[in-house]
């Protein structure tokens, strides 16, 4: 059996998957001084890894209280209290690392909140590019998506309209791109 298809068990939900789906997560994030030692690493499936990072960011958001996050994890992991507990503990570690990072004046981008499936070398390039452009990872990825959609659907947007679209996306207004494209047709 090759190393890609060798199975692993997710330490959160206990699912057994081929190792091609393996995500390694730091129990104590590197930004908080966590090491790459085996005792600080846990093997997660992509769903659990994304769930814990989403939970961490919800815990940071004032719109959500702690019980909303706990309830969401209960919906994600019905009848699996261990997965709910592990995911919440890991999410709290990530949340705390982000808070400490902000308090120390460091950008939280080095915590890789975006696209956990990227290789570390690609993440490093993403971070470098964001620093060059003075954009957050989220802003940079939104800009890339916007440019791709603009090209794919031949939208004729001048820079001012593009700027307005980026601002609209940032403020979470739904269907901004579809409204803009329907005006052009």
Protein backbone atom coordinates (compact mmCIF):
# COMPACT_ATOMS: atom_id res chain seq x y z
CA UNK A 1 0.00 0.00 0.00
CA UNK A 2 1.47 3.36 -0.98
CA UNK A 3 1.72 6.25 1.48
CA UNK A 4 -1.08 8.22 -0.23
CA UNK A 5 -3.69 5.52 0.30
CA UNK A 6 -2.46 4.44 3.73
CA UNK A 7 -5.36 5.08 6.11
CA UNK A 8 -5.31 7.39 9.12
CA UNK A 9 -7.87 8.02 11.82
CA UNK A 10 -9.05 11.58 12.44
CA UNK A 11 -8.34 12.49 16.06
CA UNK A 12 -11.52 14.53 16.19
CA UNK A 13 -14.34 12.54 14.54
CA UNK A 14 -12.54 9.14 14.42
CA UNK A 15 -13.24 8.69 10.70
CA UNK A 16 -10.73 6.49 8.89
CA UNK A 17 -9.62 8.01 5.59
CA UNK A 18 -6.77 7.59 3.09
CA UNK A 19 -3.76 9.68 4.09
CA UNK A 20 -4.19 11.86 1.00
CA UNK A 21 -6.90 13.60 3.08
CA UNK A 22 -4.68 14.04 6.13
CA UNK A 23 -4.45 17.53 7.63
CA UNK A 24 -1.91 18.12 10.38
CA UNK A 25 -3.00 20.65 12.99
CA UNK A 26 -0.95 22.14 15.81
CA UNK A 27 -2.67 21.71 19.20
CA UNK A 28 -0.81 24.78 20.43
CA UNK A 29 -0.50 27.00 17.35
CA UNK A 30 2.99 27.94 16.23
CA UNK A 31 2.03 31.58 16.69
CA UNK A 32 1.62 30.79 20.40
CA UNK A 33 4.98 29.07 20.63
CA UNK A 34 3.74 25.60 19.71
CA UNK A 35 6.32 23.29 18.22
CA UNK A 36 6.30 20.82 15.35
CA UNK A 37 6.98 18.00 17.84
CA UNK A 38 4.75 14.94 17.54
CA UNK A 39 3.00 15.57 20.87
CA UNK A 40 1.78 18.96 19.56
CA UNK A 41 0.44 17.65 16.25
CA UNK A 42 -2.88 15.99 15.59
CA UNK A 43 -4.15 14.20 12.51
CA UNK A 44 -7.45 15.61 11.26
CA UNK A 45 -9.72 15.04 8.31
CA UNK A 46 -10.36 18.11 6.10
CA UNK A 47 -13.90 18.56 7.47
CA UNK A 48 -12.79 18.65 11.10
CA UNK A 49 -9.86 20.92 10.31
CA UNK A 50 -12.12 23.41 8.55
CA UNK A 51 -14.77 23.11 11.27
CA UNK A 52 -12.32 24.00 14.03
CA UNK A 53 -10.95 27.02 12.15
CA UNK A 54 -14.47 28.21 11.34
CA UNK A 55 -15.42 27.78 14.99
CA UNK A 56 -12.33 29.76 16.06
CA UNK A 57 -13.27 32.65 13.81
CA UNK A 58 -16.87 32.55 15.02
CA UNK A 59 -15.57 32.71 18.60
CA UNK A 60 -13.72 35.90 17.63
CA UNK A 61 -16.80 37.43 16.04
CA UNK A 62 -18.95 39.48 18.43
CA UNK A 63 -22.08 38.43 16.50
CA UNK A 64 -21.75 34.90 17.87
CA UNK A 65 -21.71 33.91 21.50
CA UNK A 66 -20.07 30.79 22.87
CA UNK A 67 -23.31 28.78 23.00
CA UNK A 68 -23.98 29.39 19.29
CA UNK A 69 -20.60 27.84 18.45
CA UNK A 70 -21.25 24.90 20.79
CA UNK A 71 -24.68 24.37 19.19
CA UNK A 72 -23.15 24.50 15.70
CA UNK A 73 -20.60 21.85 16.65
CA UNK A 74 -23.42 19.70 18.01
CA UNK A 75 -25.10 19.92 14.61
CA UNK A 76 -21.86 19.06 12.80
CA UNK A 77 -21.12 16.13 15.13
CA UNK A 78 -24.49 14.72 16.26
CA UNK A 79 -24.02 11.85 18.73
CA UNK A 80 -20.26 12.40 18.88
CA UNK A 81 -19.48 14.28 22.09
CA UNK A 82 -15.76 13.56 21.78
CA UNK A 83 -15.60 15.27 18.38
CA UNK A 84 -17.55 18.26 19.72
CA UNK A 85 -15.15 18.57 22.68
CA UNK A 86 -11.94 18.12 20.66
CA UNK A 87 -13.03 20.53 17.93
CA UNK A 88 -14.02 23.16 20.51
CA UNK A 89 -10.75 22.80 22.44
CA UNK A 90 -8.68 23.18 19.27
CA UNK A 91 -10.82 26.13 18.13
CA UNK A 92 -10.29 27.88 21.47
CA UNK A 93 -6.52 27.40 21.09
CA UNK A 94 -6.64 28.99 17.63
CA UNK A 95 -8.87 31.83 18.86
CA UNK A 96 -6.52 32.54 21.77
CA UNK A 97 -3.49 32.52 19.45
CA UNK A 98 -5.17 35.05 17.16
CA UNK A 99 -6.05 37.29 20.12
CA UNK A 100 -2.46 37.14 21.45
CA UNK A 101 -1.11 37.83 17.99
CA UNK A 102 -3.30 40.91 17.63
CA UNK A 103 -2.34 42.14 21.10
CA UNK A 104 1.34 41.81 20.18
CA UNK A 105 0.74 43.79 17.00
CA UNK A 106 1.44 40.88 14.69
CA UNK A 107 -0.84 40.25 11.73
CA UNK A 108 -3.02 37.22 12.24
CA UNK A 109 -2.36 36.20 8.63
CA UNK A 110 0.65 34.16 9.69
CA UNK A 111 -1.85 31.78 11.33
CA UNK A 112 -3.07 30.68 7.88
CA UNK A 113 -6.81 31.11 8.40
CA UNK A 114 -7.43 30.78 4.68
CA UNK A 115 -7.16 27.63 2.62
CA UNK A 116 -5.84 25.04 5.03
CA UNK A 117 -5.33 22.63 2.13
CA UNK A 118 -2.40 24.61 0.71
CA UNK A 119 1.12 23.27 1.07
CA UNK A 120 3.25 25.26 3.52
CA UNK A 121 5.46 26.59 0.70
CA UNK A 122 2.37 27.87 -1.11
CA UNK A 123 1.09 29.43 2.11
CA UNK A 124 4.44 31.16 2.56
CA UNK A 125 4.19 32.58 -0.98
CA UNK A 126 0.60 33.66 -0.32
CA UNK A 127 1.67 35.49 2.84
CA UNK A 128 4.59 37.15 1.04
CA UNK A 129 2.33 38.30 -1.82
CA UNK A 130 -0.23 39.69 0.62
CA UNK A 131 2.48 41.64 2.42
CA UNK A 132 3.76 43.02 -0.90
CA UNK A 133 0.27 44.22 -1.81
CA UNK A 134 -0.55 45.28 1.76
CA UNK A 135 -3.72 43.18 1.69
CA UNK A 136 -5.06 40.60 4.08
CA UNK A 137 -5.28 37.05 2.76
CA UNK A 138 -9.04 37.42 2.60
CA UNK A 139 -8.83 40.65 0.57
CA UNK A 140 -6.26 39.14 -1.77
CA UNK A 141 -8.31 36.01 -2.42
CA UNK A 142 -11.47 38.08 -2.97
CA UNK A 143 -9.57 40.19 -5.49
CA UNK A 144 -8.34 37.09 -7.33
CA UNK A 145 -11.86 35.66 -7.42
CA UNK A 146 -13.29 38.96 -8.62
CA UNK A 147 -10.70 39.22 -11.40
CA UNK A 148 -11.39 35.63 -12.46
CA UNK A 149 -15.15 36.20 -12.59
CA UNK A 150 -14.63 39.46 -14.46
CA UNK A 151 -12.48 37.65 -17.05
CA UNK A 152 -14.65 34.53 -17.29
CA UNK A 153 -17.89 36.41 -17.82
CA UNK A 154 -16.34 39.27 -19.83
CA UNK A 155 -17.57 41.91 -17.42
CA UNK A 156 -16.58 45.39 -18.46
CA UNK A 157 -15.71 46.92 -15.11
CA UNK A 158 -13.63 50.01 -14.75
CA UNK A 159 -11.34 50.21 -11.67
CA UNK A 160 -13.86 52.37 -9.81
CA UNK A 161 -16.64 49.80 -10.24
CA UNK A 162 -14.22 47.02 -9.33
CA UNK A 163 -13.35 48.93 -6.16
CA UNK A 164 -17.05 49.31 -5.36
CA UNK A 165 -17.57 45.58 -5.89
CA UNK A 166 -14.69 44.74 -3.57
CA UNK A 167 -16.17 47.06 -0.91
CA UNK A 168 -19.58 45.48 -1.38
CA UNK A 169 -18.13 42.00 -1.03
CA UNK A 170 -16.30 43.06 2.11
CA UNK A 171 -19.54 44.28 3.65
CA UNK A 172 -21.11 40.89 2.90
CA UNK A 173 -23.81 42.11 0.54
CA UNK A 174 -25.18 39.07 -1.25
CA UNK A 175 -25.43 38.75 -5.02
CA UNK A 176 -23.37 41.86 -5.78
CA UNK A 177 -21.68 40.29 -8.76
CA UNK A 178 -24.87 38.90 -10.28
CA UNK A 179 -26.57 42.30 -10.00
CA UNK A 180 -23.59 44.01 -11.60
CA UNK A 181 -23.47 41.54 -14.49
CA UNK A 182 -27.22 41.77 -15.09
CA UNK A 183 -26.94 45.58 -15.43
CA UNK A 184 -24.34 45.14 -18.17
CA UNK A 185 -26.54 42.82 -20.25
